[in-house]
PDB file of all heavy atoms in Angstrom:
ATOM      1  N   VAL A   1       0.841  -1.203   0.000  1.00  0.00           N
ATOM      2  CA  VAL A   1       0.000   0.000   0.000  1.00  0.00           C
ATOM      3  C   VAL A   1       0.871   1.247   0.000  1.00  0.00           C
ATOM      4  O   VAL A   1       1.778   1.385   0.819  1.00  0.00           O
ATOM      5  CB  VAL A   1      -0.920   0.021   1.246  1.00  0.00           C
ATOM      6  CG1 VAL A   1      -1.789   1.277   1.237  1.00  0.00           C
ATOM      7  CG2 VAL A   1      -1.776  -1.232   1.291  1.00  0.00           C
ATOM      8  N   ARG A   2       0.588   2.170  -0.936  1.00  0.00           N
ATOM      9  CA  ARG A   2       1.323   3.437  -1.001  1.00  0.00           C
ATOM     10  C   ARG A   2       0.636   4.457  -0.105  1.00  0.00           C
ATOM     11  O   ARG A   2      -0.521   4.809  -0.304  1.00  0.00           O
ATOM     12  CB  ARG A   2       1.380   3.954  -2.437  1.00  0.00           C
ATOM     13  CG  ARG A   2       2.160   5.259  -2.574  1.00  0.00           C
ATOM     14  CD  ARG A   2       2.162   5.766  -4.001  1.00  0.00           C
ATOM     15  NE  ARG A   2       2.924   4.900  -4.881  1.00  0.00           N
ATOM     16  CZ  ARG A   2       2.382   4.130  -5.819  1.00  0.00           C
ATOM     17  NH1 ARG A   2       1.073   4.119  -5.983  1.00  0.00           N
ATOM     18  NH2 ARG A   2       3.130   3.386  -6.587  1.00  0.00           N
ATOM     19  N   LEU A   3       1.344   4.968   0.907  1.00  0.00           N
ATOM     20  CA  LEU A   3       0.796   5.960   1.828  1.00  0.00           C
ATOM     21  C   LEU A   3       0.926   7.366   1.240  1.00  0.00           C
ATOM     22  O   LEU A   3       1.655   7.596   0.278  1.00  0.00           O
ATOM     23  CB  LEU A   3       1.527   5.886   3.166  1.00  0.00           C
ATOM     24  CG  LEU A   3       1.479   4.532   3.892  1.00  0.00           C
ATOM     25  CD1 LEU A   3       2.239   4.626   5.206  1.00  0.00           C
ATOM     26  CD2 LEU A   3       0.060   4.088   4.122  1.00  0.00           C
ATOM     27  N   LEU A   4       0.204   8.315   1.835  1.00  0.00           N
ATOM     28  CA  LEU A   4       0.209   9.683   1.328  1.00  0.00           C
ATOM     29  C   LEU A   4       1.579  10.345   1.460  1.00  0.00           C
ATOM     30  O   LEU A   4       1.909  11.260   0.705  1.00  0.00           O
ATOM     31  CB  LEU A   4      -0.842  10.519   2.078  1.00  0.00           C
ATOM     32  CG  LEU A   4      -2.304  10.173   1.772  1.00  0.00           C
ATOM     33  CD1 LEU A   4      -3.231  11.005   2.638  1.00  0.00           C
ATOM     34  CD2 LEU A   4      -2.621  10.402   0.293  1.00  0.00           C
ATOM     35  N   ASP A   5       2.410   9.892   2.423  1.00  0.00           N
ATOM     36  CA  ASP A   5       3.739  10.476   2.575  1.00  0.00           C
ATOM     37  C   ASP A   5       4.779   9.790   1.695  1.00  0.00           C
ATOM     38  O   ASP A   5       5.968  10.064   1.798  1.00  0.00           O
ATOM     39  CB  ASP A   5       4.179  10.435   4.043  1.00  0.00           C
ATOM     40  CG  ASP A   5       4.262   9.016   4.594  1.00  0.00           C
ATOM     41  OD1 ASP A   5       4.053   8.058   3.815  1.00  0.00           O
ATOM     42  OD2 ASP A   5       4.530   8.851   5.796  1.00  0.00           O
ATOM     43  N   GLY A   6       4.321   8.888   0.813  1.00  0.00           N
ATOM     44  CA  GLY A   6       5.229   8.233  -0.126  1.00  0.00           C
ATOM     45  C   GLY A   6       5.773   6.907   0.350  1.00  0.00           C
ATOM     46  O   GLY A   6       6.339   6.145  -0.436  1.00  0.00           O
ATOM     47  N   LYS A   7       5.625   6.613   1.640  1.00  0.00           N
ATOM     48  CA  LYS A   7       6.123   5.355   2.165  1.00  0.00           C
ATOM     49  C   LYS A   7       5.120   4.228   1.857  1.00  0.00           C
ATOM     50  O   LYS A   7       4.016   4.466   1.411  1.00  0.00           O
ATOM     51  CB  LYS A   7       6.344   5.450   3.673  1.00  0.00           C
ATOM     52  CG  LYS A   7       7.430   6.437   4.058  1.00  0.00           C
ATOM     53  CD  LYS A   7       7.631   6.460   5.561  1.00  0.00           C
ATOM     54  CE  LYS A   7       8.735   7.444   5.949  1.00  0.00           C
ATOM     55  NZ  LYS A   7       8.923   7.497   7.417  1.00  0.00           N
ATOM     56  N   ARG A   8       5.538   2.997   2.115  1.00  0.00           N
ATOM     57  CA  ARG A   8       4.680   1.849   1.845  1.00  0.00           C
ATOM     58  C   ARG A   8       4.538   0.980   3.091  1.00  0.00           C
ATOM     59  O   ARG A   8       5.468   0.847   3.870  1.00  0.00           O
ATOM     60  CB  ARG A   8       5.242   0.995   0.701  1.00  0.00           C
ATOM     61  CG  ARG A   8       5.140   1.656  -0.661  1.00  0.00           C
ATOM     62  CD  ARG A   8       5.621   0.736  -1.759  1.00  0.00           C
ATOM     63  NE  ARG A   8       5.448   1.340  -3.075  1.00  0.00           N
ATOM     64  CZ  ARG A   8       4.338   1.260  -3.781  1.00  0.00           C
ATOM     65  NH1 ARG A   8       3.296   0.605  -3.298  1.00  0.00           N
ATOM     66  NH2 ARG A   8       4.241   1.834  -4.964  1.00  0.00           N
ATOM     67  N   ILE A   9       3.345   0.422   3.260  1.00  0.00           N
ATOM     68  CA  ILE A   9       3.121  -0.597   4.288  1.00  0.00           C
ATOM     69  C   ILE A   9       2.886  -1.912   3.563  1.00  0.00           C
ATOM     70  O   ILE A   9       2.096  -1.992   2.628  1.00  0.00           O
ATOM     71  CB  ILE A   9       1.899  -0.264   5.155  1.00  0.00           C
ATOM     72  CG1 ILE A   9       2.217   0.910   6.084  1.00  0.00           C
ATOM     73  CG2 ILE A   9       1.474  -1.465   5.990  1.00  0.00           C
ATOM     74  CD1 ILE A   9       1.095   1.297   6.999  1.00  0.00           C
ATOM     75  N   GLN A  10       3.585  -2.932   4.000  1.00  0.00           N
ATOM     76  CA  GLN A  10       3.390  -4.231   3.372  1.00  0.00           C
ATOM     77  C   GLN A  10       3.614  -5.322   4.411  1.00  0.00           C
ATOM     78  O   GLN A  10       4.338  -5.120   5.382  1.00  0.00           O
ATOM     79  CB  GLN A  10       4.330  -4.402   2.184  1.00  0.00           C
ATOM     80  CG  GLN A  10       5.789  -4.264   2.511  1.00  0.00           C
ATOM     81  CD  GLN A  10       6.656  -4.409   1.270  1.00  0.00           C
ATOM     82  OE1 GLN A  10       6.235  -4.814   0.209  1.00  0.00           O
ATOM     83  NE2 GLN A  10       7.918  -4.080   1.419  1.00  0.00           N
ATOM     84  N   PRO A  11       3.004  -6.496   4.256  1.00  0.00           N
ATOM     85  CA  PRO A  11       2.075  -6.795   3.161  1.00  0.00           C
ATOM     86  C   PRO A  11       0.620  -6.643   3.592  1.00  0.00           C
ATOM     87  O   PRO A  11       0.300  -6.768   4.761  1.00  0.00           O
ATOM     88  CB  PRO A  11       2.366  -8.261   2.874  1.00  0.00           C
ATOM     89  CG  PRO A  11       2.721  -8.833   4.229  1.00  0.00           C
ATOM     90  CD  PRO A  11       3.389  -7.710   5.001  1.00  0.00           C
ATOM     91  N   LEU A  12      -0.210  -6.328   2.645  1.00  0.00           N
ATOM     92  CA  LEU A  12      -1.657  -6.429   2.791  1.00  0.00           C
ATOM     93  C   LEU A  12      -2.067  -7.698   2.061  1.00  0.00           C
ATOM     94  O   LEU A  12      -1.786  -7.840   0.873  1.00  0.00           O
ATOM     95  CB  LEU A  12      -2.352  -5.216   2.178  1.00  0.00           C
ATOM     96  CG  LEU A  12      -3.865  -5.309   1.962  1.00  0.00           C
ATOM     97  CD1 LEU A  12      -4.591  -5.407   3.287  1.00  0.00           C
ATOM     98  CD2 LEU A  12      -4.368  -4.115   1.171  1.00  0.00           C
ATOM     99  N   LYS A  13      -2.692  -8.632   2.748  1.00  0.00           N
ATOM    100  CA  LYS A  13      -3.104  -9.891   2.122  1.00  0.00           C
ATOM    101  C   LYS A  13      -4.620  -9.921   1.975  1.00  0.00           C
ATOM    102  O   LYS A  13      -5.343  -9.642   2.921  1.00  0.00           O
ATOM    103  CB  LYS A  13      -2.630 -11.095   2.938  1.00  0.00           C
ATOM    104  CG  LYS A  13      -1.136 -11.340   2.831  1.00  0.00           C
ATOM    105  CD  LYS A  13      -0.744 -12.644   3.508  1.00  0.00           C
ATOM    106  CE  LYS A  13       0.740 -12.918   3.320  1.00  0.00           C
ATOM    107  NZ  LYS A  13       1.145 -14.201   3.963  1.00  0.00           N
ATOM    108  N   VAL A  14      -5.066 -10.240   0.782  1.00  0.00           N
ATOM    109  CA  VAL A  14      -6.489 -10.318   0.480  1.00  0.00           C
ATOM    110  C   VAL A  14      -6.769 -11.672  -0.150  1.00  0.00           C
ATOM    111  O   VAL A  14      -6.047 -12.105  -1.045  1.00  0.00           O
ATOM    112  CB  VAL A  14      -6.915  -9.192  -0.494  1.00  0.00           C
ATOM    113  CG1 VAL A  14      -8.419  -9.207  -0.687  1.00  0.00           C
ATOM    114  CG2 VAL A  14      -6.452  -7.840   0.006  1.00  0.00           C
ATOM    115  N   ALA A  15      -7.810 -12.340   0.328  1.00  0.00           N
ATOM    116  CA  ALA A  15      -8.178 -13.653  -0.211  1.00  0.00           C
ATOM    117  C   ALA A  15      -9.628 -13.634  -0.659  1.00  0.00           C
ATOM    118  O   ALA A  15     -10.484 -13.048   0.000  1.00  0.00           O
ATOM    119  CB  ALA A  15      -7.974 -14.742   0.845  1.00  0.00           C
ATOM    120  N   THR A  16      -9.898 -14.232  -1.799  1.00  0.00           N
ATOM    121  CA  THR A  16     -11.270 -14.346  -2.271  1.00  0.00           C
ATOM    122  C   THR A  16     -11.649 -15.814  -2.426  1.00  0.00           C
ATOM    123  O   THR A  16     -10.889 -16.601  -2.995  1.00  0.00           O
ATOM    124  CB  THR A  16     -11.487 -13.587  -3.599  1.00  0.00           C
ATOM    125  OG1 THR A  16     -12.846 -13.748  -4.012  1.00  0.00           O
ATOM    126  CG2 THR A  16     -10.571 -14.065  -4.702  1.00  0.00           C
ATOM    127  N   PHE A  17     -12.814 -16.170  -1.878  1.00  0.00           N
ATOM    128  CA  PHE A  17     -13.347 -17.531  -1.971  1.00  0.00           C
ATOM    129  C   PHE A  17     -14.687 -17.485  -2.703  1.00  0.00           C
ATOM    130  O   PHE A  17     -15.519 -16.640  -2.411  1.00  0.00           O
ATOM    131  CB  PHE A  17     -13.594 -18.123  -0.565  1.00  0.00           C
ATOM    132  CG  PHE A  17     -12.346 -18.456   0.198  1.00  0.00           C
ATOM    133  CD1 PHE A  17     -11.581 -17.453   0.773  1.00  0.00           C
ATOM    134  CD2 PHE A  17     -11.947 -19.760   0.358  1.00  0.00           C
ATOM    135  CE1 PHE A  17     -10.442 -17.758   1.494  1.00  0.00           C
ATOM    136  CE2 PHE A  17     -10.809 -20.081   1.083  1.00  0.00           C
ATOM    137  CZ  PHE A  17     -10.044 -19.076   1.642  1.00  0.00           C
ATOM    138  N   HIS A  18     -14.880 -18.402  -3.624  1.00  0.00           N
ATOM    139  CA  HIS A  18     -16.167 -18.548  -4.302  1.00  0.00           C
ATOM    140  C   HIS A  18     -16.658 -19.957  -4.004  1.00  0.00           C
ATOM    141  O   HIS A  18     -16.279 -20.927  -4.672  1.00  0.00           O
ATOM    142  CB  HIS A  18     -16.009 -18.322  -5.804  1.00  0.00           C
ATOM    143  CG  HIS A  18     -17.294 -18.349  -6.562  1.00  0.00           C
ATOM    144  ND1 HIS A  18     -17.356 -18.594  -7.902  1.00  0.00           N
ATOM    145  CD2 HIS A  18     -18.568 -18.166  -6.162  1.00  0.00           C
ATOM    146  CE1 HIS A  18     -18.614 -18.570  -8.308  1.00  0.00           C
ATOM    147  NE2 HIS A  18     -19.365 -18.305  -7.258  1.00  0.00           N
ATOM    148  N   LEU A  19     -17.504 -20.075  -2.993  1.00  0.00           N
ATOM    149  CA  LEU A  19     -17.888 -21.382  -2.484  1.00  0.00           C
ATOM    150  C   LEU A  19     -18.977 -22.036  -3.321  1.00  0.00           C
ATOM    151  O   LEU A  19     -19.608 -21.405  -4.163  1.00  0.00           O
ATOM    152  CB  LEU A  19     -18.344 -21.252  -1.025  1.00  0.00           C
ATOM    153  CG  LEU A  19     -17.323 -20.621  -0.071  1.00  0.00           C
ATOM    154  CD1 LEU A  19     -17.856 -20.625   1.341  1.00  0.00           C
ATOM    155  CD2 LEU A  19     -15.978 -21.340  -0.144  1.00  0.00           C
ATOM    156  N   LYS A  20     -19.200 -23.319  -3.074  1.00  0.00           N
ATOM    157  CA  LYS A  20     -20.172 -24.102  -3.834  1.00  0.00           C
ATOM    158  C   LYS A  20     -21.584 -23.582  -3.615  1.00  0.00           C
ATOM    159  O   LYS A  20     -22.007 -23.350  -2.493  1.00  0.00           O
ATOM    160  CB  LYS A  20     -20.105 -25.579  -3.399  1.00  0.00           C
ATOM    161  CG  LYS A  20     -21.044 -26.502  -4.168  1.00  0.00           C
ATOM    162  CD  LYS A  20     -20.579 -26.724  -5.574  1.00  0.00           C
ATOM    163  CE  LYS A  20     -21.597 -27.518  -6.376  1.00  0.00           C
ATOM    164  NZ  LYS A  20     -22.766 -26.736  -6.780  1.00  0.00           N
ATOM    165  N   SER A  21     -22.307 -23.393  -4.714  1.00  0.00           N
ATOM    166  CA  SER A  21     -23.702 -22.984  -4.628  1.00  0.00           C
ATOM    167  C   SER A  21     -24.595 -24.206  -4.794  1.00  0.00           C
ATOM    168  O   SER A  21     -24.120 -25.330  -4.913  1.00  0.00           O
ATOM    169  CB  SER A  21     -24.021 -21.955  -5.714  1.00  0.00           C
ATOM    170  OG  SER A  21     -24.010 -22.597  -6.985  1.00  0.00           O
ATOM    171  N   LYS A  22     -25.898 -23.984  -4.838  1.00  0.00           N
ATOM    172  CA  LYS A  22     -26.846 -25.075  -5.029  1.00  0.00           C
ATOM    173  C   LYS A  22     -27.258 -25.246  -6.488  1.00  0.00           C
ATOM    174  O   LYS A  22     -28.234 -25.931  -6.787  1.00  0.00           O
ATOM    175  CB  LYS A  22     -28.090 -24.854  -4.163  1.00  0.00           C
ATOM    176  CG  LYS A  22     -27.830 -25.047  -2.678  1.00  0.00           C
ATOM    177  CD  LYS A  22     -29.120 -25.018  -1.884  1.00  0.00           C
ATOM    178  CE  LYS A  22     -28.865 -25.317  -0.415  1.00  0.00           C
ATOM    179  NZ  LYS A  22     -30.109 -25.344   0.382  1.00  0.00           N
ATOM    180  N   SER A  23     -26.511 -24.625  -7.403  1.00  0.00           N
ATOM    181  CA  SER A  23     -26.826 -24.815  -8.811  1.00  0.00           C
ATOM    182  C   SER A  23     -26.557 -26.265  -9.207  1.00  0.00           C
ATOM    183  O   SER A  23     -25.698 -26.936  -8.619  1.00  0.00           O
ATOM    184  CB  SER A  23     -25.972 -23.882  -9.680  1.00  0.00           C
ATOM    185  OG  SER A  23     -24.607 -24.180  -9.529  1.00  0.00           O
ATOM    186  N   ASN A  24     -27.290 -26.755 -10.176  1.00  0.00           N
ATOM    187  CA  ASN A  24     -27.217 -28.146 -10.612  1.00  0.00           C
ATOM    188  C   ASN A  24     -27.596 -29.111  -9.506  1.00  0.00           C
ATOM    189  O   ASN A  24     -27.159 -30.258  -9.485  1.00  0.00           O
ATOM    190  CB  ASN A  24     -25.814 -28.491 -11.138  1.00  0.00           C
ATOM    191  CG  ASN A  24     -25.476 -27.755 -12.408  1.00  0.00           C
ATOM    192  OD1 ASN A  24     -26.340 -27.568 -13.270  1.00  0.00           O
ATOM    193  ND2 ASN A  24     -24.242 -27.312 -12.535  1.00  0.00           N
ATOM    194  N   GLY A  25     -28.410 -28.641  -8.577  1.00  0.00           N
ATOM    195  CA  GLY A  25     -28.837 -29.500  -7.476  1.00  0.00           C
ATOM    196  C   GLY A  25     -29.653 -30.693  -7.925  1.00  0.00           C
ATOM    197  O   GLY A  25     -29.759 -31.687  -7.189  1.00  0.00           O
ATOM    198  N   SER A  26     -30.213 -30.637  -9.127  1.00  0.00           N
ATOM    199  CA  SER A  26     -30.998 -31.766  -9.625  1.00  0.00           C
ATOM    200  C   SER A  26     -30.144 -33.009  -9.819  1.00  0.00           C
ATOM    201  O   SER A  26     -30.667 -34.134  -9.846  1.00  0.00           O
ATOM    202  CB  SER A  26     -31.662 -31.395 -10.962  1.00  0.00           C
ATOM    203  OG  SER A  26     -30.677 -31.046 -11.931  1.00  0.00           O
ATOM    204  N   LYS A  27     -28.819 -32.816  -9.939  1.00  0.00           N
ATOM    205  CA  LYS A  27     -27.929 -33.961 -10.085  1.00  0.00           C
ATOM    206  C   LYS A  27     -27.720 -34.693  -8.760  1.00  0.00           C
ATOM    207  O   LYS A  27     -27.145 -35.771  -8.730  1.00  0.00           O
ATOM    208  CB  LYS A  27     -26.583 -33.493 -10.638  1.00  0.00           C
ATOM    209  CG  LYS A  27     -26.665 -32.902 -12.045  1.00  0.00           C
ATOM    210  CD  LYS A  27     -25.302 -32.444 -12.517  1.00  0.00           C
ATOM    211  CE  LYS A  27     -25.381 -31.824 -13.908  1.00  0.00           C
ATOM    212  NZ  LYS A  27     -24.052 -31.340 -14.375  1.00  0.00           N
ATOM    213  N   ASP A  28     -28.185 -34.103  -7.693  1.00  0.00           N
ATOM    214  CA  ASP A  28     -28.059 -34.704  -6.365  1.00  0.00           C
ATOM    215  C   ASP A  28     -29.406 -34.570  -5.657  1.00  0.00           C
ATOM    216  O   ASP A  28     -29.564 -33.755  -4.747  1.00  0.00           O
ATOM    217  CB  ASP A  28     -26.949 -33.989  -5.580  1.00  0.00           C
ATOM    218  CG  ASP A  28     -26.729 -34.583  -4.197  1.00  0.00           C
ATOM    219  OD1 ASP A  28     -26.894 -35.799  -4.032  1.00  0.00           O
ATOM    220  OD2 ASP A  28     -26.412 -33.805  -3.284  1.00  0.00           O
ATOM    221  N   PRO A  29     -30.422 -35.348  -6.081  1.00  0.00           N
ATOM    222  CA  PRO A  29     -31.795 -35.149  -5.592  1.00  0.00           C
ATOM    223  C   PRO A  29     -31.950 -35.289  -4.083  1.00  0.00           C
ATOM    224  O   PRO A  29     -32.823 -34.672  -3.488  1.00  0.00           O
ATOM    225  CB  PRO A  29     -32.590 -36.225  -6.338  1.00  0.00           C
ATOM    226  CG  PRO A  29     -31.569 -37.224  -6.787  1.00  0.00           C
ATOM    227  CD  PRO A  29     -30.315 -36.453  -7.038  1.00  0.00           C
ATOM    228  N   THR A  30     -31.108 -36.078  -3.431  1.00  0.00           N
ATOM    229  CA  THR A  30     -31.225 -36.237  -1.977  1.00  0.00           C
ATOM    230  C   THR A  30     -30.615 -35.053  -1.236  1.00  0.00           C
ATOM    231  O   THR A  30     -30.902 -34.825  -0.064  1.00  0.00           O
ATOM    232  CB  THR A  30     -30.515 -37.521  -1.508  1.00  0.00           C
ATOM    233  OG1 THR A  30     -29.101 -37.387  -1.753  1.00  0.00           O
ATOM    234  CG2 THR A  30     -31.055 -38.738  -2.243  1.00  0.00           C
ATOM    235  N   GLY A  31     -29.754 -34.294  -1.941  1.00  0.00           N
ATOM    236  CA  GLY A  31     -29.071 -33.185  -1.283  1.00  0.00           C
ATOM    237  C   GLY A  31     -27.910 -33.635  -0.424  1.00  0.00           C
ATOM    238  O   GLY A  31     -27.224 -32.833   0.183  1.00  0.00           O
ATOM    239  N   TYR A  32     -27.656 -34.934  -0.396  1.00  0.00           N
ATOM    240  CA  TYR A  32     -26.646 -35.487   0.501  1.00  0.00           C
ATOM    241  C   TYR A  32     -25.236 -35.042   0.105  1.00  0.00           C
ATOM    242  O   TYR A  32     -24.500 -34.460   0.890  1.00  0.00           O
ATOM    243  CB  TYR A  32     -26.739 -37.010   0.510  1.00  0.00           C
ATOM    244  CG  TYR A  32     -25.708 -37.696   1.386  1.00  0.00           C
ATOM    245  CD1 TYR A  32     -25.834 -37.691   2.772  1.00  0.00           C
ATOM    246  CD2 TYR A  32     -24.607 -38.335   0.820  1.00  0.00           C
ATOM    247  CE1 TYR A  32     -24.883 -38.309   3.566  1.00  0.00           C
ATOM    248  CE2 TYR A  32     -23.661 -38.957   1.608  1.00  0.00           C
ATOM    249  CZ  TYR A  32     -23.801 -38.944   2.974  1.00  0.00           C
ATOM    250  OH  TYR A  32     -22.856 -39.546   3.749  1.00  0.00           O
ATOM    251  N   LYS A  33     -24.866 -35.305  -1.160  1.00  0.00           N
ATOM    252  CA  LYS A  33     -23.509 -34.978  -1.603  1.00  0.00           C
ATOM    253  C   LYS A  33     -23.280 -33.473  -1.594  1.00  0.00           C
ATOM    254  O   LYS A  33     -22.267 -32.981  -1.086  1.00  0.00           O
ATOM    255  CB  LYS A  33     -23.271 -35.543  -3.001  1.00  0.00           C
ATOM    256  CG  LYS A  33     -21.893 -35.184  -3.559  1.00  0.00           C
ATOM    257  CD  LYS A  33     -21.734 -35.697  -4.973  1.00  0.00           C
ATOM    258  CE  LYS A  33     -20.389 -35.260  -5.545  1.00  0.00           C
ATOM    259  NZ  LYS A  33     -20.209 -35.716  -6.947  1.00  0.00           N
ATOM    260  N   TRP A  34     -24.240 -32.728  -2.159  1.00  0.00           N
ATOM    261  CA  TRP A  34     -24.075 -31.279  -2.279  1.00  0.00           C
ATOM    262  C   TRP A  34     -23.886 -30.630  -0.911  1.00  0.00           C
ATOM    263  O   TRP A  34     -23.013 -29.803  -0.713  1.00  0.00           O
ATOM    264  CB  TRP A  34     -25.295 -30.682  -2.988  1.00  0.00           C
ATOM    265  CG  TRP A  34     -25.024 -30.186  -4.391  1.00  0.00           C
ATOM    266  CD1 TRP A  34     -25.228 -28.923  -4.849  1.00  0.00           C
ATOM    267  CD2 TRP A  34     -24.534 -30.932  -5.501  1.00  0.00           C
ATOM    268  NE1 TRP A  34     -24.898 -28.841  -6.191  1.00  0.00           N
ATOM    269  CE2 TRP A  34     -24.459 -30.056  -6.610  1.00  0.00           C
ATOM    270  CE3 TRP A  34     -24.136 -32.254  -5.681  1.00  0.00           C
ATOM    271  CZ2 TRP A  34     -24.010 -30.455  -7.868  1.00  0.00           C
ATOM    272  CZ3 TRP A  34     -23.693 -32.663  -6.931  1.00  0.00           C
ATOM    273  CH2 TRP A  34     -23.637 -31.776  -7.990  1.00  0.00           C
ATOM    274  N   GLU A  35     -24.726 -31.011   0.047  1.00  0.00           N
ATOM    275  CA  GLU A  35     -24.683 -30.363   1.353  1.00  0.00           C
ATOM    276  C   GLU A  35     -23.432 -30.720   2.123  1.00  0.00           C
ATOM    277  O   GLU A  35     -22.883 -29.897   2.861  1.00  0.00           O
ATOM    278  CB  GLU A  35     -25.929 -30.714   2.165  1.00  0.00           C
ATOM    279  CG  GLU A  35     -27.191 -30.011   1.681  1.00  0.00           C
ATOM    280  CD  GLU A  35     -26.986 -28.509   1.585  1.00  0.00           C
ATOM    281  OE1 GLU A  35     -26.534 -27.896   2.561  1.00  0.00           O
ATOM    282  OE2 GLU A  35     -27.284 -27.944   0.516  1.00  0.00           O
ATOM    283  N   ILE A  36     -22.939 -31.939   1.969  1.00  0.00           N
ATOM    284  CA  ILE A  36     -21.689 -32.312   2.638  1.00  0.00           C
ATOM    285  C   ILE A  36     -20.541 -31.465   2.089  1.00  0.00           C
ATOM    286  O   ILE A  36     -19.723 -30.932   2.844  1.00  0.00           O
ATOM    287  CB  ILE A  36     -21.405 -33.816   2.471  1.00  0.00           C
ATOM    288  CG1 ILE A  36     -22.329 -34.633   3.371  1.00  0.00           C
ATOM    289  CG2 ILE A  36     -19.935 -34.127   2.822  1.00  0.00           C
ATOM    290  CD1 ILE A  36     -22.116 -36.112   3.305  1.00  0.00           C
ATOM    291  N   VAL A  37     -20.474 -31.337   0.771  1.00  0.00           N
ATOM    292  CA  VAL A  37     -19.418 -30.527   0.162  1.00  0.00           C
ATOM    293  C   VAL A  37     -19.537 -29.087   0.631  1.00  0.00           C
ATOM    294  O   VAL A  37     -18.549 -28.424   0.941  1.00  0.00           O
ATOM    295  CB  VAL A  37     -19.492 -30.617  -1.375  1.00  0.00           C
ATOM    296  CG1 VAL A  37     -18.522 -29.611  -2.013  1.00  0.00           C
ATOM    297  CG2 VAL A  37     -19.165 -32.025  -1.834  1.00  0.00           C
ATOM    298  N   ARG A  38     -20.762 -28.549   0.681  1.00  0.00           N
ATOM    299  CA  ARG A  38     -20.963 -27.163   1.112  1.00  0.00           C
ATOM    300  C   ARG A  38     -20.538 -26.974   2.570  1.00  0.00           C
ATOM    301  O   ARG A  38     -19.915 -25.977   2.936  1.00  0.00           O
ATOM    302  CB  ARG A  38     -22.434 -26.766   0.932  1.00  0.00           C
ATOM    303  CG  ARG A  38     -22.787 -26.427  -0.502  1.00  0.00           C
ATOM    304  CD  ARG A  38     -24.281 -26.454  -0.709  1.00  0.00           C
ATOM    305  NE  ARG A  38     -24.997 -25.581   0.189  1.00  0.00           N
ATOM    306  CZ  ARG A  38     -25.156 -24.257   0.014  1.00  0.00           C
ATOM    307  NH1 ARG A  38     -24.605 -23.683  -1.028  1.00  0.00           N
ATOM    308  NH2 ARG A  38     -25.821 -23.540   0.863  1.00  0.00           N
ATOM    309  N   MET A  39     -20.875 -27.940   3.436  1.00  0.00           N
ATOM    310  CA  MET A  39     -20.520 -27.809   4.848  1.00  0.00           C
ATOM    311  C   MET A  39     -19.014 -27.951   5.056  1.00  0.00           C
ATOM    312  O   MET A  39     -18.418 -27.292   5.913  1.00  0.00           O
ATOM    313  CB  MET A  39     -21.258 -28.866   5.675  1.00  0.00           C
ATOM    314  CG  MET A  39     -22.739 -28.569   5.870  1.00  0.00           C
ATOM    315  SD  MET A  39     -23.534 -29.701   7.026  1.00  0.00           S
ATOM    316  CE  MET A  39     -23.535 -31.216   6.075  1.00  0.00           C
TER     317      MET A  39
END
């Protein structure tokens, strides 16, 4: 990060997660597999 006085602070760590949704749930009619993976 560049500060207003020209110096830098490091590190800034940012993580992004895109977790499993319930799309294509018809392939798992009992919900068993999908929900275990989600949990």
